[in-house]
Amino acid sequence: MNKFCHIEIPAPDLEKTVKFYTDVFDWEVEVLKNGNYAFFKDGLVGGGFDPDMKVSKGGPNLVIECDDIPTKMAEIIAAGGKQTLPKTEIGDDMGFYASFLDVNGNRLSIWSKN
């Protein structure tokens, strides 16, 4: 089966990145002892925060499932993120999504059924 096994997110400010994702999404994060990389686990997929990666606004868009887009977007903004697209209906009963920039400027989205 060909599926995602690891995702890396650019994290020029590793400490700020770890705080953002643990506060907003409650991900488990383990920072390596040398402090130059952190692994995360969101429950299904694991990945890493890489301080050496460059932030890209035109690359792939990672989408994170949530229960309530307005509530989660408020948490994102309170933690230093910026909304770039408000809650938008996908159509055909496929749910809704919204987009944001994290504390490093990475573009991501959130999705919910309602």
Protein backbone atom coordinates (compact mmCIF):
# COMPACT_ATOMS: atom_id res chain seq x y z
CA MET A 1 0.00 0.00 0.00
CA ASN A 2 1.36 3.44 -0.89
CA LYS A 3 0.45 5.86 1.90
CA PHE A 4 2.04 8.69 3.82
CA CYS A 5 4.48 7.37 6.40
CA HIS A 6 6.21 10.60 7.47
CA ILE A 7 5.57 14.30 6.89
CA GLU A 8 8.11 17.06 7.44
CA ILE A 9 7.05 20.63 8.18
CA PRO A 10 9.53 23.52 7.93
CA ALA A 11 10.21 24.95 11.39
CA PRO A 12 12.74 27.82 11.33
CA ASP A 13 11.80 28.56 14.95
CA LEU A 14 11.60 25.06 16.41
CA GLU A 15 10.59 26.07 19.94
CA LYS A 16 7.76 28.28 18.66
CA THR A 17 6.65 25.53 16.25
CA VAL A 18 6.50 22.85 18.95
CA LYS A 19 4.45 25.12 21.21
CA PHE A 20 2.02 26.00 18.38
CA TYR A 21 1.25 22.41 17.35
CA THR A 22 1.08 21.01 20.88
CA ASP A 23 -1.17 23.87 22.07
CA VAL A 24 -3.50 23.95 19.06
CA PHE A 25 -3.67 20.30 17.94
CA ASP A 26 -2.46 18.45 21.08
CA TRP A 27 0.17 16.52 19.11
CA GLU A 28 2.84 14.50 20.92
CA VAL A 29 6.21 16.08 20.12
CA GLU A 30 9.69 14.84 21.01
CA VAL A 31 12.59 17.25 20.46
CA LEU A 32 15.91 15.54 19.81
CA LYS A 33 18.57 16.08 22.49
CA ASN A 34 20.69 18.17 20.12
CA GLY A 35 17.67 20.44 19.59
CA ASN A 36 17.89 20.46 15.79
CA TYR A 37 14.81 18.35 14.94
CA ALA A 38 11.53 17.29 16.53
CA PHE A 39 9.32 14.31 15.81
CA PHE A 40 5.54 14.58 16.08
CA LYS A 41 2.69 12.09 16.18
CA ASP A 42 -0.88 13.19 15.51
CA GLY A 43 -2.47 9.83 16.29
CA LEU A 44 -2.33 8.43 12.73
CA VAL A 45 0.63 9.90 10.89
CA GLY A 46 4.03 10.83 12.22
CA GLY A 47 6.41 13.44 11.02
CA GLY A 48 9.00 15.96 11.92
CA PHE A 49 9.62 19.65 12.34
CA ASP A 50 12.82 20.52 10.47
CA PRO A 51 14.53 23.85 11.24
CA ASP A 52 16.70 23.51 8.10
CA MET A 53 13.76 23.30 5.67
CA LYS A 54 12.67 26.48 3.91
CA VAL A 55 9.05 27.62 4.27
CA SER A 56 7.17 27.33 0.96
CA LYS A 57 3.87 28.96 0.20
CA GLY A 58 3.41 27.11 -3.09
CA GLY A 59 4.08 23.52 -2.04
CA PRO A 60 1.69 20.74 -1.03
CA ASN A 61 -1.11 21.59 1.36
CA LEU A 62 -1.43 19.42 4.46
CA VAL A 63 -4.99 19.14 5.78
CA ILE A 64 -5.70 18.44 9.47
CA GLU A 65 -9.08 17.06 10.54
CA CYS A 66 -10.90 18.86 13.34
CA ASP A 67 -14.35 18.77 14.96
CA ASP A 68 -15.26 22.46 14.59
CA ILE A 69 -13.56 24.82 12.15
CA PRO A 70 -14.50 28.16 13.81
CA THR A 71 -13.32 26.96 17.22
CA LYS A 72 -10.09 25.48 15.87
CA MET A 73 -9.39 28.60 13.77
CA ALA A 74 -9.80 30.76 16.88
CA GLU A 75 -7.21 28.56 18.63
CA ILE A 76 -4.87 28.85 15.62
CA ILE A 77 -5.11 32.65 15.64
CA ALA A 78 -4.68 32.83 19.43
CA ALA A 79 -1.51 30.73 19.11
CA GLY A 80 0.01 33.06 16.50
CA GLY A 81 -1.30 31.59 13.24
CA LYS A 82 -3.12 33.60 10.56
CA GLN A 83 -6.33 32.66 8.77
CA THR A 84 -6.01 32.83 4.97
CA LEU A 85 -9.35 31.30 3.98
CA PRO A 86 -12.49 31.20 6.13
CA LYS A 87 -14.69 28.13 6.51
CA THR A 88 -15.69 27.15 2.99
CA GLU A 89 -18.11 24.45 1.85
CA ILE A 90 -16.56 21.86 -0.45
CA GLY A 91 -19.88 20.69 -1.94
CA ASP A 92 -21.41 17.25 -2.63
CA ASP A 93 -21.66 16.64 1.14
CA MET A 94 -17.84 16.50 1.39
CA GLY A 95 -17.64 18.85 4.37
CA PHE A 96 -15.87 22.16 4.88
CA TYR A 97 -12.33 23.48 5.01
CA ALA A 98 -10.41 26.60 5.98
CA SER A 99 -6.77 27.55 5.47
CA PHE A 100 -4.15 29.20 7.64
CA LEU A 101 -0.47 30.05 7.97
CA ASP A 102 1.28 28.56 10.99
CA VAL A 103 3.73 30.54 13.13
CA ASN A 104 6.47 30.02 10.51
CA GLY A 105 4.33 30.95 7.50
CA ASN A 106 3.62 27.38 6.33
CA ARG A 107 0.27 27.08 4.55
CA LEU A 108 -1.99 24.35 5.94
CA SER A 109 -5.72 23.69 6.09
CA ILE A 110 -8.26 22.22 8.50
CA TRP A 111 -11.27 20.12 7.52
CA SER A 112 -14.51 19.07 9.22
CA LYS A 113 -17.61 17.21 8.13
CA ASN A 114 -19.88 20.00 9.46
